[in-house]
C-alpha cells in the first residue's frame, strides 16, 4: 500500500547527530516519509512491504580506518571495505527485480555517500579513501546501468562535514596496534582520527539542507560536492555555478570571480563528457551533444572571456 501519497526515503546509517540523522530531518522537513535504519539486511523488502514504495535510497552507512597502510591489520581493512563498499550491494543484488518496481515505477533516486579526500588523498587514511574511491567508481557505473530504468544515481561527496564517523574513527583507532614505522608521528595520526570534530567543520544541518535541495532537483548532478566551508571563509576556495554552453553564464562567472578577487591568473578548461559507439552509427545529435560541452563550452566561451578579462587587467 502507498502511505498517504507521501514519497518514501530510506536511509542507512542513522546515529544521532550524524549525516544520516541530519538528512532524515531535512527530508522530513520536505514532507517525505523517512525510514532510517542502522541495518541493511532485508530492509528494502521490509520497507516496500509496509509502505508500498521507496522513492529515494540513501546509502550512508560507513566507518573510518585511520593508520599506516603498512601496519593496519588486514582484519581492520577488511571490515572497512565490508561496511563501506560491499554492504552497498547486499539488498540491491537480492532485490534487483523488485527495485525497478519499488523505486516508484521506474522513477527513483539512489544516493551513495562518498568522501572528498578521495579527490585529494591525505596520509593515514589510505584504507578509508580506498573504500570511498571504490564507492565512487561503483556509483558512476550504477548510474550508467540504471539510467535506462529511470533511476538516477547521485554521488554525494561531503568534505569537512561534522559527523559521527569521527567517533567511530577514534573507537577503531584505539584498537590499532602500536605503530612501529611512524612511532614519532603518533600525535599527528591521532589528530587525523579526530579530524571531523574540529571547530571549522561544516555543521551536518547545513550539509543536509544543501544536499537535499540538490537531490530534489528534477535533474540532479551526477556528483554533489559539499562543502568547502572553511576554505571558502578563508577566501581560498569558491564554488561558482555556470552553464558551459551559455556565453552569458560564462561571462557572468568570470565577471563574478574578477569582481570578488580582482583577477584570474589560471583558467583550467576541464568540463567534458564521453560518447561511446561506432562512428558510423552514433546519432548526429549525440555527436553534437558531446562537442558542445567538450569544445564549444569552456574552451571557446571560457577562454575568450578569460582573454577579454586579461586584456582589461593589462
Protein backbone atom coordinates (compact mmCIF):
# COMPACT_ATOMS: atom_id res chain seq x y z
CA UNK A 1 0.00 0.00 0.00
CA UNK A 2 1.09 3.55 -0.55
CA UNK A 3 1.36 5.64 2.60
CA UNK A 4 -0.90 8.69 2.28
CA UNK A 5 0.72 9.64 -1.03
CA UNK A 6 3.98 10.67 0.63
CA UNK A 7 7.29 9.97 -1.07
CA UNK A 8 9.37 7.49 0.92
CA UNK A 9 13.10 7.85 1.57
CA UNK A 10 15.15 5.03 3.09
CA UNK A 11 18.41 5.99 4.84
CA UNK A 12 21.04 3.55 6.09
CA UNK A 13 23.40 4.67 8.85
CA UNK A 14 21.42 6.68 11.38
CA UNK A 15 23.39 7.58 14.51
CA UNK A 16 22.15 10.60 16.46
CA UNK A 17 23.91 13.76 15.32
CA UNK A 18 25.43 12.21 12.20
CA UNK A 19 24.98 12.84 8.48
CA UNK A 20 22.22 10.24 8.16
CA UNK A 21 20.28 11.78 11.03
CA UNK A 22 20.57 15.29 9.55
CA UNK A 23 19.49 14.04 6.11
CA UNK A 24 16.48 12.31 7.67
CA UNK A 25 15.38 15.52 9.41
CA UNK A 26 15.78 17.55 6.21
CA UNK A 27 13.87 15.05 4.07
CA UNK A 28 11.12 15.02 6.71
CA UNK A 29 11.02 18.82 6.56
CA UNK A 30 10.33 18.42 2.83
CA UNK A 31 7.31 16.20 3.59
CA UNK A 32 9.00 12.85 2.93
CA UNK A 33 8.15 9.78 4.93
CA UNK A 34 11.57 8.84 6.29
CA UNK A 35 12.62 5.31 7.16
CA UNK A 36 16.05 5.19 8.79
CA UNK A 37 17.98 2.12 9.85
CA UNK A 38 21.39 1.04 11.05
CA UNK A 39 20.99 -2.33 9.31
CA UNK A 40 20.72 -3.18 5.61
CA UNK A 41 19.63 -6.80 5.82
CA UNK A 42 16.23 -7.23 4.14
CA UNK A 43 15.46 -3.59 4.88
CA UNK A 44 14.38 -2.68 1.33
CA UNK A 45 11.91 -5.58 1.19
CA UNK A 46 10.52 -4.71 4.62
CA UNK A 47 10.00 -1.05 3.70
CA UNK A 48 8.25 -1.91 0.45
CA UNK A 49 6.03 -4.41 2.22
CA UNK A 50 4.97 -1.81 4.78
CA UNK A 51 4.84 1.41 2.74
CA UNK A 52 4.48 0.13 -0.82
CA UNK A 53 7.42 2.03 -2.28
CA UNK A 54 10.83 3.55 -1.88
CA UNK A 55 11.44 6.73 -3.85
CA UNK A 56 14.92 7.61 -2.63
CA UNK A 57 17.50 5.21 -1.22
CA UNK A 58 20.40 6.79 0.71
CA UNK A 59 23.39 4.52 1.26
CA UNK A 60 25.06 6.42 4.09
CA UNK A 61 26.43 3.77 6.45
CA UNK A 62 30.21 3.90 6.77
CA UNK A 63 33.17 3.72 9.14
CA UNK A 64 36.66 5.20 9.26
CA UNK A 65 40.01 3.43 9.39
CA UNK A 66 42.99 5.59 10.37
CA UNK A 67 46.56 4.36 10.37
CA UNK A 68 49.55 3.34 8.28
CA UNK A 69 48.83 1.22 5.23
CA UNK A 70 51.85 -0.94 6.04
CA UNK A 71 50.76 -1.58 9.63
CA UNK A 72 46.94 -1.64 9.69
CA UNK A 73 45.75 -5.18 10.49
CA UNK A 74 44.18 -6.91 7.50
CA UNK A 75 41.06 -7.58 9.58
CA UNK A 76 40.56 -3.83 10.15
CA UNK A 77 40.97 -3.07 6.44
CA UNK A 78 38.57 -5.88 5.51
CA UNK A 79 35.97 -4.65 8.00
CA UNK A 80 36.16 -1.16 6.50
CA UNK A 81 35.64 -2.48 2.96
CA UNK A 82 32.79 -4.71 4.15
CA UNK A 83 30.97 -1.76 5.70
CA UNK A 84 31.75 0.97 3.18
CA UNK A 85 31.67 -0.96 -0.10
CA UNK A 86 30.32 -4.49 -0.06
CA UNK A 87 27.34 -3.67 2.14
CA UNK A 88 26.16 -1.43 -0.72
CA UNK A 89 25.09 -4.42 -2.76
CA UNK A 90 23.59 -6.60 -0.01
CA UNK A 91 19.91 -5.86 -0.58
CA UNK A 92 20.48 -4.42 -4.01
CA UNK A 93 21.58 -7.72 -5.54
CA UNK A 94 18.95 -9.75 -3.69
CA UNK A 95 16.09 -7.42 -4.60
CA UNK A 96 17.17 -6.16 -8.02
CA UNK A 97 13.99 -7.37 -9.69
CA UNK A 98 11.91 -5.57 -7.07
CA UNK A 99 13.95 -2.36 -7.15
CA UNK A 100 12.58 -1.30 -10.52
CA UNK A 101 9.10 -1.50 -9.00
CA UNK A 102 9.84 -0.11 -5.56
CA UNK A 103 11.71 2.92 -6.89
CA UNK A 104 8.40 4.49 -7.86
CA UNK A 105 7.78 2.54 -11.09
CA UNK A 106 10.98 3.33 -12.92
CA UNK A 107 11.35 6.63 -11.10
CA UNK A 108 13.64 6.99 -8.16
CA UNK A 109 16.99 8.11 -6.89
CA UNK A 110 19.89 6.39 -5.19
CA UNK A 111 22.35 8.47 -3.15
CA UNK A 112 25.70 6.96 -2.28
CA UNK A 113 27.67 8.97 0.28
CA UNK A 114 31.31 9.13 -0.76
CA UNK A 115 34.13 11.33 0.51
CA UNK A 116 36.08 14.33 -0.81
CA UNK A 117 39.51 13.09 0.43
CA UNK A 118 39.38 10.58 -2.43
CA UNK A 119 40.00 13.56 -4.73
CA UNK A 120 43.00 14.71 -2.67
CA UNK A 121 44.27 11.82 -0.51
CA UNK A 122 45.72 12.53 2.91
CA UNK A 123 48.20 10.41 4.88
CA UNK A 124 46.96 7.93 7.46
CA UNK A 125 43.63 7.45 5.63
CA UNK A 126 44.65 5.11 2.81
CA UNK A 127 42.22 2.30 3.62
CA UNK A 128 39.25 4.63 4.11
CA UNK A 129 39.90 6.60 0.90
CA UNK A 130 40.38 3.33 -1.00
CA UNK A 131 36.90 2.20 0.08
CA UNK A 132 35.37 5.52 -0.92
CA UNK A 133 37.23 5.52 -4.26
CA UNK A 134 35.69 2.12 -4.93
CA UNK A 135 32.30 3.50 -3.94
CA UNK A 136 32.70 6.47 -6.32
CA UNK A 137 33.52 4.10 -9.18
CA UNK A 138 30.61 1.79 -8.38
CA UNK A 139 28.28 4.78 -8.20
CA UNK A 140 29.35 6.02 -11.63
CA UNK A 141 28.77 2.55 -13.10
CA UNK A 142 25.40 2.18 -11.34
CA UNK A 143 24.36 5.50 -12.86
CA UNK A 144 25.05 4.23 -16.38
CA UNK A 145 23.44 0.85 -15.86
CA UNK A 146 20.29 2.08 -14.10
CA UNK A 147 19.64 5.12 -16.31
CA UNK A 148 17.58 3.08 -18.83
CA UNK A 149 15.27 2.14 -15.96
CA UNK A 150 14.62 5.74 -14.99
CA UNK A 151 16.70 5.56 -11.82
CA UNK A 152 19.06 8.46 -11.07
CA UNK A 153 22.22 7.68 -9.10
CA UNK A 154 23.98 10.54 -7.30
CA UNK A 155 27.41 10.52 -5.69
CA UNK A 156 27.22 12.75 -2.61
CA UNK A 157 30.73 13.86 -1.71
CA UNK A 158 30.93 15.54 1.73
CA UNK A 159 34.07 17.45 2.63
CA UNK A 160 34.88 18.54 6.17
CA UNK A 161 31.37 17.86 7.49
CA UNK A 162 30.84 17.19 11.19
CA UNK A 163 29.92 13.54 11.50
CA UNK A 164 29.74 10.68 13.94
CA UNK A 165 32.23 8.91 11.72
CA UNK A 166 34.78 10.79 13.80
CA UNK A 167 33.59 8.90 16.87
CA UNK A 168 33.88 5.56 15.06
CA UNK A 169 37.30 6.65 13.83
CA UNK A 170 38.53 7.25 17.38
CA UNK A 171 37.00 3.99 18.56
CA UNK A 172 38.65 1.93 15.82
CA UNK A 173 41.94 3.78 16.26
CA UNK A 174 42.04 2.79 19.91
CA UNK A 175 42.14 -0.85 18.82
CA UNK A 176 45.07 -0.39 16.45
CA UNK A 177 48.46 -1.90 17.33
CA UNK A 178 51.32 0.27 18.47
CA UNK A 179 52.93 1.88 15.43
CA UNK A 180 56.49 0.96 14.61
CA UNK A 181 57.49 2.77 11.41
CA UNK A 182 55.76 6.02 12.34
CA UNK A 183 56.00 5.98 16.11
CA UNK A 184 57.37 9.59 16.15
CA UNK A 185 54.26 10.76 14.27
CA UNK A 186 51.73 9.14 16.58
CA UNK A 187 50.28 12.51 17.64
CA UNK A 188 49.71 13.52 14.01
CA UNK A 189 47.97 10.22 13.27
CA UNK A 190 45.76 10.67 16.32
CA UNK A 191 44.84 14.18 15.13
CA UNK A 192 43.81 12.66 11.80
CA UNK A 193 41.46 10.34 13.65
CA UNK A 194 39.87 13.39 15.33
CA UNK A 195 39.65 15.38 12.08
CA UNK A 196 35.84 15.51 11.94
CA UNK A 197 35.46 17.09 15.38
CA UNK A 198 37.15 20.46 14.75
CA UNK A 199 35.57 23.93 15.13
CA UNK A 200 35.72 24.78 11.40
CA UNK A 201 33.84 21.67 10.31
CA UNK A 202 30.61 22.27 8.39
CA UNK A 203 27.54 21.52 10.59
CA UNK A 204 25.59 18.46 9.49
CA UNK A 205 22.38 20.52 9.28
CA UNK A 206 23.96 22.87 6.75
CA UNK A 207 25.29 19.94 4.73
CA UNK A 208 21.91 18.17 4.79
CA UNK A 209 19.98 21.26 3.66
CA UNK A 210 22.25 21.79 0.64
CA UNK A 211 22.33 18.10 -0.24
CA UNK A 212 18.57 17.55 -0.11
CA UNK A 213 17.94 20.71 -2.13
CA UNK A 214 20.32 19.39 -4.79
CA UNK A 215 18.88 15.89 -4.79
CA UNK A 216 15.29 17.08 -5.15
CA UNK A 217 16.06 18.86 -8.40
CA UNK A 218 14.41 17.28 -11.44
CA UNK A 219 17.82 16.58 -12.94
CA UNK A 220 20.31 16.49 -10.07
CA UNK A 221 24.05 16.43 -10.88
CA UNK A 222 25.88 13.13 -11.02
CA UNK A 223 28.15 14.36 -8.21
CA UNK A 224 27.13 16.63 -5.35
CA UNK A 225 30.26 18.05 -3.70
CA UNK A 226 29.72 19.79 -0.35
CA UNK A 227 31.19 21.73 1.19
CA UNK A 228 34.46 23.61 1.36
CA UNK A 229 33.07 25.89 4.06
CA UNK A 230 36.28 26.59 5.94
CA UNK A 231 38.26 27.14 2.72
CA UNK A 232 35.63 29.50 1.39
CA UNK A 233 35.74 31.52 4.59
CA UNK A 234 39.48 31.88 4.13
CA UNK A 235 38.97 33.03 0.51
CA UNK A 236 40.92 30.05 -0.79
CA UNK A 237 38.05 28.14 -2.36
CA UNK A 238 34.95 29.39 -4.14
CA UNK A 239 32.23 27.39 -5.90
CA UNK A 240 30.84 29.19 -8.94
CA UNK A 241 27.91 27.67 -10.80
CA UNK A 242 27.75 28.15 -14.56
CA UNK A 243 26.44 26.62 -17.78
CA UNK A 244 29.43 25.89 -20.01
CA UNK A 245 27.24 26.15 -23.13
CA UNK A 246 25.92 29.58 -22.29
CA UNK A 247 28.04 32.55 -23.34
CA UNK A 248 26.19 34.76 -20.85
CA UNK A 249 26.64 32.29 -17.99
CA UNK A 250 30.39 32.02 -18.57
CA UNK A 251 30.70 35.80 -18.86
CA UNK A 252 28.87 36.24 -15.56
CA UNK A 253 31.01 33.59 -13.87
CA UNK A 254 34.29 35.18 -14.93
CA UNK A 255 32.98 38.64 -14.05
CA UNK A 256 31.92 37.44 -10.60
CA UNK A 257 35.33 35.92 -9.92
CA UNK A 258 37.17 39.04 -11.11
CA UNK A 259 34.84 41.27 -9.09
CA UNK A 260 35.40 39.20 -5.94
CA UNK A 261 39.14 38.54 -6.25
CA UNK A 262 40.28 41.20 -8.70
CA UNK A 263 41.92 38.77 -11.12
CA UNK A 264 42.02 35.37 -12.81
CA UNK A 265 45.56 34.05 -13.26
CA UNK A 266 44.94 30.49 -14.43
CA UNK A 267 41.96 29.07 -16.34
CA UNK A 268 41.51 25.29 -16.34
CA UNK A 269 39.21 24.01 -19.12
CA UNK A 270 38.10 20.73 -17.56
CA UNK A 271 34.39 20.26 -18.38
CA UNK A 272 33.61 17.34 -20.66
CA UNK A 273 31.50 14.26 -21.33
CA UNK A 274 32.19 10.98 -23.14
CA UNK A 275 30.44 9.44 -26.15
CA UNK A 276 30.83 5.73 -26.95
CA UNK A 277 29.83 3.87 -30.10
CA UNK A 278 30.83 3.13 -33.72
CA UNK A 279 31.44 6.38 -35.59
CA UNK A 280 29.26 5.24 -38.49
CA UNK A 281 26.27 4.63 -36.20
CA UNK A 282 26.44 7.31 -33.49
CA UNK A 283 23.49 9.72 -33.95
CA UNK A 284 24.46 13.19 -35.09
CA UNK A 285 22.64 14.62 -32.07
CA UNK A 286 24.88 12.59 -29.72
CA UNK A 287 27.98 13.83 -31.51
CA UNK A 288 26.76 17.40 -31.27
CA UNK A 289 25.89 16.95 -27.59
CA UNK A 290 29.47 15.79 -26.94
CA UNK A 291 31.11 18.54 -28.98
CA UNK A 292 29.11 21.29 -27.31
CA UNK A 293 30.49 20.91 -23.75
CA UNK A 294 33.89 19.48 -24.77
CA UNK A 295 34.79 22.02 -27.47
CA UNK A 296 32.36 24.91 -27.63
CA UNK A 297 31.80 25.14 -23.90
CA UNK A 298 34.64 26.11 -21.59
CA UNK A 299 37.25 26.13 -24.33
CA UNK A 300 35.63 28.70 -26.58
CA UNK A 301 33.39 30.73 -24.28
CA UNK A 302 35.60 30.43 -21.22
CA UNK A 303 38.89 31.12 -22.97
CA UNK A 304 37.58 34.09 -24.94
CA UNK A 305 36.04 35.61 -21.82
CA UNK A 306 39.24 34.96 -19.88
CA UNK A 307 41.34 36.64 -22.58
CA UNK A 308 38.93 39.59 -22.57
CA UNK A 309 39.40 39.92 -18.83
CA UNK A 310 43.16 39.55 -19.25
CA UNK A 311 43.24 42.49 -21.66
CA UNK A 312 41.31 44.57 -19.16
CA UNK A 313 43.83 43.69 -16.43
CA UNK A 314 46.73 44.75 -18.59
